[in-house]
Protein backbone atom coordinates (compact mmCIF):
# COMPACT_ATOMS: atom_id res chain seq x y z
CA MET A 1 -153.58 25.64 146.01
CA GLU A 2 -149.91 25.78 146.95
CA LYS A 3 -148.16 22.42 146.73
CA LYS A 4 -146.74 20.98 149.94
CA GLN A 5 -142.99 20.55 149.98
CA TYR A 6 -141.31 17.37 151.21
CA VAL A 7 -137.76 16.66 152.29
CA LEU A 8 -135.95 13.33 152.69
CA ALA A 9 -133.65 12.96 155.71
CA VAL A 10 -131.18 10.09 156.18
CA PRO A 11 -129.22 10.86 159.37
CA ASN A 12 -127.00 8.41 161.19
CA PHE A 13 -125.90 8.32 164.81
CA SER A 14 -123.04 6.41 166.38
CA ASN A 15 -124.75 3.52 168.14
CA GLY A 16 -125.91 0.29 166.54
CA ARG A 17 -125.67 -2.03 169.55
CA ASP A 18 -127.58 -0.61 172.54
CA HIS A 19 -131.31 -1.15 172.01
CA ASP A 20 -132.36 1.37 174.67
CA VAL A 21 -130.17 4.14 173.25
CA ILE A 22 -131.30 3.43 169.69
CA GLU A 23 -134.99 3.53 170.63
CA ALA A 24 -134.57 6.71 172.68
CA VAL A 25 -132.94 8.53 169.77
CA VAL A 26 -135.40 7.27 167.15
CA ASN A 27 -138.33 8.16 169.43
CA GLU A 28 -137.42 11.81 168.98
CA VAL A 29 -138.40 11.41 165.33
CA ARG A 30 -141.60 9.51 166.18
CA LYS A 31 -142.73 12.36 168.43
CA VAL A 32 -142.83 15.00 165.68
CA SER A 33 -146.13 15.47 163.89
CA GLY A 34 -145.78 15.78 160.13
CA VAL A 35 -142.86 13.37 159.84
CA LYS A 36 -143.10 9.83 158.45
CA LEU A 37 -140.49 7.44 159.86
CA VAL A 38 -139.65 5.13 156.96
CA SER A 39 -137.03 2.90 158.60
CA TYR A 40 -134.11 2.69 160.99
CA GLU A 41 -131.29 0.22 160.52
CA PRO A 42 -128.94 -0.57 163.44
CA GLU A 43 -125.63 -1.99 162.18
CA HIS A 44 -123.71 -3.87 164.86
CA ASP A 45 -120.31 -4.02 163.20
CA PHE A 46 -120.39 -0.38 162.11
CA ASN A 47 -121.90 0.52 165.52
CA ARG A 48 -124.19 3.07 163.95
CA THR A 49 -127.86 3.40 163.08
CA VAL A 50 -129.16 4.91 159.84
CA VAL A 51 -132.58 6.54 160.10
CA THR A 52 -134.77 7.46 157.12
CA PHE A 53 -137.78 9.75 157.28
CA ILE A 54 -139.80 12.09 155.10
CA GLY A 55 -141.74 15.22 155.94
CA GLN A 56 -142.32 18.88 155.34
CA PRO A 57 -139.29 21.11 155.94
CA GLN A 58 -140.05 22.51 159.38
CA PRO A 59 -141.13 19.22 161.00
CA VAL A 60 -138.04 17.56 159.50
CA LYS A 61 -135.85 20.28 161.00
CA GLU A 62 -137.50 19.80 164.41
CA ALA A 63 -137.03 16.03 164.27
CA LEU A 64 -133.36 16.29 163.24
CA VAL A 65 -132.47 18.81 165.92
CA ASN A 66 -134.26 16.82 168.63
CA MET A 67 -132.76 13.48 167.65
CA ALA A 68 -129.27 14.97 167.44
CA ALA A 69 -129.61 16.50 170.90
CA LYS A 70 -130.73 13.13 172.31
CA ALA A 71 -127.92 11.22 170.56
CA CYS A 72 -125.32 13.59 171.93
CA GLU A 73 -126.83 13.29 175.40
CA LEU A 74 -126.69 9.48 175.42
CA ILE A 75 -123.57 8.63 173.36
CA ASP A 76 -120.04 9.23 174.63
CA MET A 77 -117.60 9.20 171.73
CA ARG A 78 -114.69 8.45 174.07
CA GLU A 79 -116.17 4.96 174.46
CA HIS A 80 -117.31 4.41 170.86
CA LYS A 81 -115.76 1.71 168.67
CA GLY A 82 -116.98 0.71 165.22
CA THR A 83 -115.76 -0.08 161.72
CA HIS A 84 -117.51 2.80 159.94
CA PRO A 85 -115.83 6.23 159.75
CA ARG A 86 -117.43 8.70 162.16
CA ILE A 87 -116.77 12.09 163.73
CA GLY A 88 -119.58 12.44 166.26
CA ALA A 89 -122.37 10.97 168.35
CA GLN A 90 -124.90 12.36 165.87
CA ASP A 91 -122.56 11.82 162.97
CA THR A 92 -124.54 13.24 160.05
CA LEU A 93 -127.75 15.15 159.37
CA PRO A 94 -128.15 14.98 155.57
CA ILE A 95 -131.26 16.22 153.77
CA PHE A 96 -132.35 15.86 150.15
CA PRO A 97 -135.13 17.33 147.99
CA PHE A 98 -138.00 14.86 147.81
CA LYS A 99 -141.02 16.61 146.31
CA ASP A 100 -141.71 20.17 145.14
CA ILE A 101 -138.63 21.64 146.83
CA THR A 102 -135.36 22.85 145.29
CA ILE A 103 -131.80 22.03 146.31
CA GLU A 104 -131.32 25.74 147.07
CA GLU A 105 -134.16 25.61 149.59
CA CYS A 106 -132.64 22.48 151.10
CA VAL A 107 -129.29 24.23 151.47
CA ASP A 108 -131.00 27.02 153.41
CA LEU A 109 -132.76 24.41 155.55
CA ALA A 110 -129.50 22.55 156.27
CA LYS A 111 -127.95 25.80 157.49
CA GLU A 112 -130.98 26.45 159.69
CA ILE A 113 -130.66 22.95 161.15
CA GLY A 114 -126.96 23.38 161.91
CA ASN A 115 -127.39 26.79 163.48
CA GLU A 116 -130.38 25.74 165.57
CA LEU A 117 -128.66 22.57 166.81
CA HIS A 118 -125.52 24.50 167.73
CA ASN A 119 -127.47 27.24 169.50
CA LYS A 120 -129.46 24.66 171.45
CA THR A 121 -126.67 22.28 172.43
CA LYS A 122 -123.30 23.93 171.57
CA ILE A 123 -122.44 20.83 169.50
CA PRO A 124 -119.78 21.74 166.89
CA ILE A 125 -121.10 21.75 163.32
CA TYR A 126 -119.57 21.14 159.90
CA PHE A 127 -121.56 22.04 156.77
CA ALA A 128 -121.10 19.65 153.83
CA GLY A 129 -122.51 18.80 150.41
CA GLU A 130 -124.10 21.76 148.68
CA ALA A 131 -124.18 23.57 152.04
CA ALA A 132 -120.38 23.41 152.39
CA ARG A 133 -118.47 26.65 152.83
CA ASN A 134 -115.70 25.53 150.46
CA GLU A 135 -115.13 22.86 147.83
CA GLU A 136 -113.10 20.51 150.05
CA ARG A 137 -115.76 20.36 152.74
CA LYS A 138 -118.39 19.08 150.32
CA ALA A 139 -117.09 15.57 151.00
CA PHE A 140 -117.80 13.77 154.28
CA ALA A 141 -114.49 11.94 153.84
CA TYR A 142 -112.52 15.19 154.03
CA ILE A 143 -114.29 16.34 157.19
CA ARG A 144 -114.01 12.89 158.81
CA ALA A 145 -110.34 12.31 157.87
CA GLY A 146 -108.72 10.94 161.02
CA GLN A 147 -112.18 10.24 162.46
CA TYR A 148 -113.33 11.50 165.86
CA GLU A 149 -110.06 10.75 167.66
CA GLY A 150 -107.83 12.16 164.93
CA VAL A 151 -109.81 15.37 164.42
CA ARG A 152 -110.11 15.94 168.18
CA ASP A 153 -106.37 15.59 168.73
CA LEU A 154 -105.34 17.50 165.59
CA LEU A 155 -107.42 20.55 166.50
CA LYS A 156 -106.05 20.61 170.04
CA GLU A 157 -102.47 20.37 168.72
CA CYS A 158 -102.90 22.99 166.00
CA LYS A 159 -105.10 25.61 167.62
CA ASN A 160 -102.36 27.67 169.26
CA ASN A 161 -99.50 26.58 167.00
CA GLU A 162 -98.64 29.41 164.62
CA GLU A 163 -96.79 27.04 162.28
CA ARG A 164 -99.91 24.93 161.84
CA LYS A 165 -102.40 27.79 161.63
CA GLN A 166 -103.52 26.96 158.08
CA GLU A 167 -104.00 23.30 158.94
CA TYR A 168 -106.15 24.35 161.88
CA GLU A 169 -108.23 26.73 159.74
CA ASN A 170 -108.78 23.97 157.20
CA ARG A 171 -110.07 21.47 159.75
CA LYS A 172 -111.86 23.42 162.48
CA PRO A 173 -115.69 23.24 162.69
CA ASP A 174 -117.81 25.84 160.93
CA LEU A 175 -119.68 26.42 164.19
CA SER A 176 -118.12 25.85 167.62
CA VAL A 177 -117.71 27.45 171.01
CA ASP A 178 -113.92 27.07 171.24
CA GLY A 179 -112.76 26.03 167.77
CA LEU A 180 -112.54 22.38 168.83
CA ILE A 181 -114.86 19.39 168.66
CA SER A 182 -116.56 18.09 171.80
CA ASP A 183 -114.73 15.42 173.81
CA THR A 184 -117.99 13.58 174.43
CA ALA A 185 -120.16 14.38 171.38
CA GLY A 186 -117.53 15.02 168.71
CA ALA A 187 -119.16 17.05 165.91
CA THR A 188 -122.15 16.79 163.58
CA ILE A 189 -122.11 17.14 159.79
CA CYS A 190 -125.13 18.99 158.35
CA SER A 191 -125.54 18.69 154.61
CA ALA A 192 -127.86 19.15 151.64
CA GLU A 193 -127.42 17.24 148.40
CA THR A 194 -129.50 16.63 145.32
CA ASP A 195 -129.66 12.87 145.70
CA GLY A 196 -129.66 10.52 148.67
CA LEU A 197 -127.20 7.69 148.92
CA THR A 198 -128.18 4.04 148.60
CA ALA A 199 -126.51 1.66 151.06
CA TYR A 200 -125.91 -1.74 149.50
CA ASN A 201 -124.07 -4.87 150.69
CA ILE A 202 -122.86 -7.75 148.53
CA PHE A 203 -122.01 -10.98 150.37
CA LEU A 204 -119.21 -13.28 149.19
CA GLY A 205 -118.80 -17.00 149.81
CA THR A 206 -115.36 -16.82 151.41
CA GLU A 207 -113.86 -16.04 154.79
CA ASN A 208 -110.89 -14.29 153.17
CA ILE A 209 -111.40 -10.64 154.12
CA GLN A 210 -108.54 -9.56 151.85
CA ILE A 211 -110.59 -10.54 148.78
CA ALA A 212 -113.44 -8.26 149.86
CA LYS A 213 -110.99 -5.45 150.53
CA GLU A 214 -109.35 -5.78 147.13
CA ILE A 215 -112.71 -5.77 145.36
CA ALA A 216 -113.85 -2.73 147.37
CA LYS A 217 -110.62 -0.93 146.45
CA GLY A 218 -111.34 -1.46 142.75
CA LEU A 219 -114.96 -0.41 143.16
CA ARG A 220 -114.68 2.87 145.04
CA GLY A 221 -113.99 6.19 143.36
CA PRO A 222 -111.02 7.46 145.40
CA THR A 223 -108.93 4.38 144.50
CA GLY A 224 -109.74 4.27 140.80
CA GLY A 225 -113.27 2.88 140.64
CA PHE A 226 -116.67 4.51 140.14
CA SER A 227 -116.62 8.19 141.12
CA THR A 228 -119.96 8.02 142.97
CA VAL A 229 -119.22 4.84 144.95
CA ARG A 230 -117.58 4.45 148.36
CA ALA A 231 -116.90 0.88 149.48
CA VAL A 232 -115.14 -1.20 152.13
CA GLY A 233 -114.46 -4.90 152.52
CA ILE A 234 -115.45 -6.13 155.97
CA LYS A 235 -116.61 -9.13 157.98
CA PHE A 236 -119.99 -9.18 159.72
CA PRO A 237 -119.44 -11.41 162.78
CA GLU A 238 -123.08 -12.52 162.83
CA ARG A 239 -123.02 -14.23 159.41
CA GLU A 240 -120.88 -16.46 157.22
CA GLY A 241 -118.68 -15.01 154.51
CA VAL A 242 -117.36 -11.50 153.98
CA VAL A 243 -119.05 -8.46 152.49
CA VAL A 244 -118.33 -5.63 150.09
CA SER A 245 -120.30 -2.83 151.75
CA MET A 246 -120.91 0.28 149.70
CA ASN A 247 -122.61 3.65 149.59
CA LEU A 248 -123.88 4.51 146.11
CA LEU A 249 -123.90 8.30 146.22
CA ASP A 250 -125.85 8.72 142.97
CA CYS A 251 -127.51 5.68 141.37
CA SER A 252 -128.36 7.71 138.28
CA LYS A 253 -124.62 7.86 137.52
CA THR A 254 -123.60 4.44 138.87
CA PRO A 255 -126.66 2.16 138.80
CA MET A 256 -126.89 -0.57 141.41
CA HIS A 257 -126.70 -3.30 138.77
CA ARG A 258 -123.37 -1.91 137.50
CA ALA A 259 -121.86 -2.15 140.98
CA PHE A 260 -123.26 -5.66 141.37
CA GLU A 261 -121.84 -6.85 138.06
CA PHE A 262 -118.42 -5.40 138.90
CA VAL A 263 -118.27 -7.18 142.27
CA LYS A 264 -119.56 -10.45 140.78
CA ARG A 265 -116.98 -10.38 137.99
CA GLU A 266 -114.09 -9.53 140.30
CA ALA A 267 -115.12 -12.21 142.80
CA GLU A 268 -115.10 -14.82 140.04
CA ARG A 269 -111.43 -14.02 139.40
CA TYR A 270 -110.74 -15.33 142.92
CA GLY A 271 -113.00 -18.36 142.44
CA VAL A 272 -115.58 -16.84 144.80
CA MET A 273 -119.35 -16.68 144.38
CA VAL A 274 -121.75 -13.89 145.35
CA THR A 275 -124.06 -15.53 147.91
CA GLY A 276 -126.54 -12.68 148.33
CA THR A 277 -127.05 -8.95 148.56
CA GLU A 278 -128.75 -6.57 150.98
CA LEU A 279 -130.24 -3.10 150.86
CA VAL A 280 -129.73 -1.12 154.07
CA GLY A 281 -132.66 1.27 154.30
CA PRO A 282 -134.90 2.49 151.49
CA ILE A 283 -134.24 3.01 147.80
CA LYS A 284 -135.92 5.14 145.14
CA LEU A 285 -138.28 3.31 142.80
CA ASP A 286 -136.45 4.67 139.74
CA TYR A 287 -133.27 2.89 140.80
CA ILE A 288 -135.06 -0.43 141.21
CA LEU A 289 -136.64 -0.04 137.79
CA ASP A 290 -133.26 0.73 136.23
CA SER A 291 -131.92 -2.63 137.37
CA PHE A 292 -135.21 -4.38 136.52
CA GLU A 293 -134.98 -3.06 132.97
CA TYR A 294 -131.30 -4.00 132.70
CA PHE A 295 -131.49 -7.58 133.95
CA PHE A 296 -134.63 -8.48 131.97
CA ARG A 297 -133.33 -6.68 128.84
CA LEU A 298 -136.66 -4.94 128.44
CA GLU A 299 -137.23 -2.89 125.30
CA GLY A 300 -139.35 0.25 125.36
CA PHE A 301 -140.10 -0.13 129.07
CA ARG A 302 -141.88 2.83 130.69
CA LYS A 303 -142.20 3.59 134.39
CA GLU A 304 -145.94 4.14 133.85
CA GLN A 305 -146.30 0.40 133.20
CA VAL A 306 -145.91 -0.13 136.96
CA LEU A 307 -149.48 0.24 138.23
CA GLU A 308 -148.51 1.51 141.67
CA THR A 309 -146.85 4.59 140.19
CA HIS A 310 -150.30 5.91 139.28
CA LEU A 311 -151.27 6.05 142.96
CA MET A 312 -148.62 8.67 143.66
CA ASP A 313 -150.52 11.51 142.02
CA MET A 314 -154.05 10.52 143.13
């Protein structure tokens, strides 16, 4: 009997504050048979919501296209404000191999998703990760540079300027009607990658935001830290203290406990304590067990010692 294939999707859309909009977008995932909604995490300060679901490839594609269309219908990027980088109403549509499917098949699926969404809605599309059309566009940060407002204005300024033709070619969407991004919906990034990111927050017992920013600068890859970590220092208005908020792009290369120990050690230099941590969305069991093994200094530990792992193949 042929094994069923499963894909992990972790899209995010640019609203974390309006309950009605959030529910309307997430409901598009709930409606699709063959998709399991794992979680959705509205983030007020970022003003975005991260959604996590699992399913077979075609139902996942249907859910992603439908939710993106709804997000772009309900969210006007001209009115959007938030602390997290973003380029569109449906900001990203990333997929990852989950079970019995290859990254090559996920790349093909990501391209199908982008093409179908564009054909259905005319939303401009960028392909990223392993689905990118060149090396630079693999990174979300390159595509988002300048964010929605900056990319919108840059493309308008460059499009018919012969002196800036190369700059325009470098930054224009892979799929678009007019070579620009939408004034209302911005653009959507469709990607396929081998491993899903883990969103992780570490809270510090200080109101000094500059301390969090300095620690984040030392932690993230582009400014000299861990190559698979992206981090910012911010303040969540709804709680005391400041936070080092990070995306761990590959916990097999930078385990969660390594990031934690770095932040804890750096905070101590400022006389500041770590007051707590938070996972935003789901995490793979292997990554939890890595930190479990590390902190308890276990010798000869095997994943099979966790009883629940035996249920997965029953």
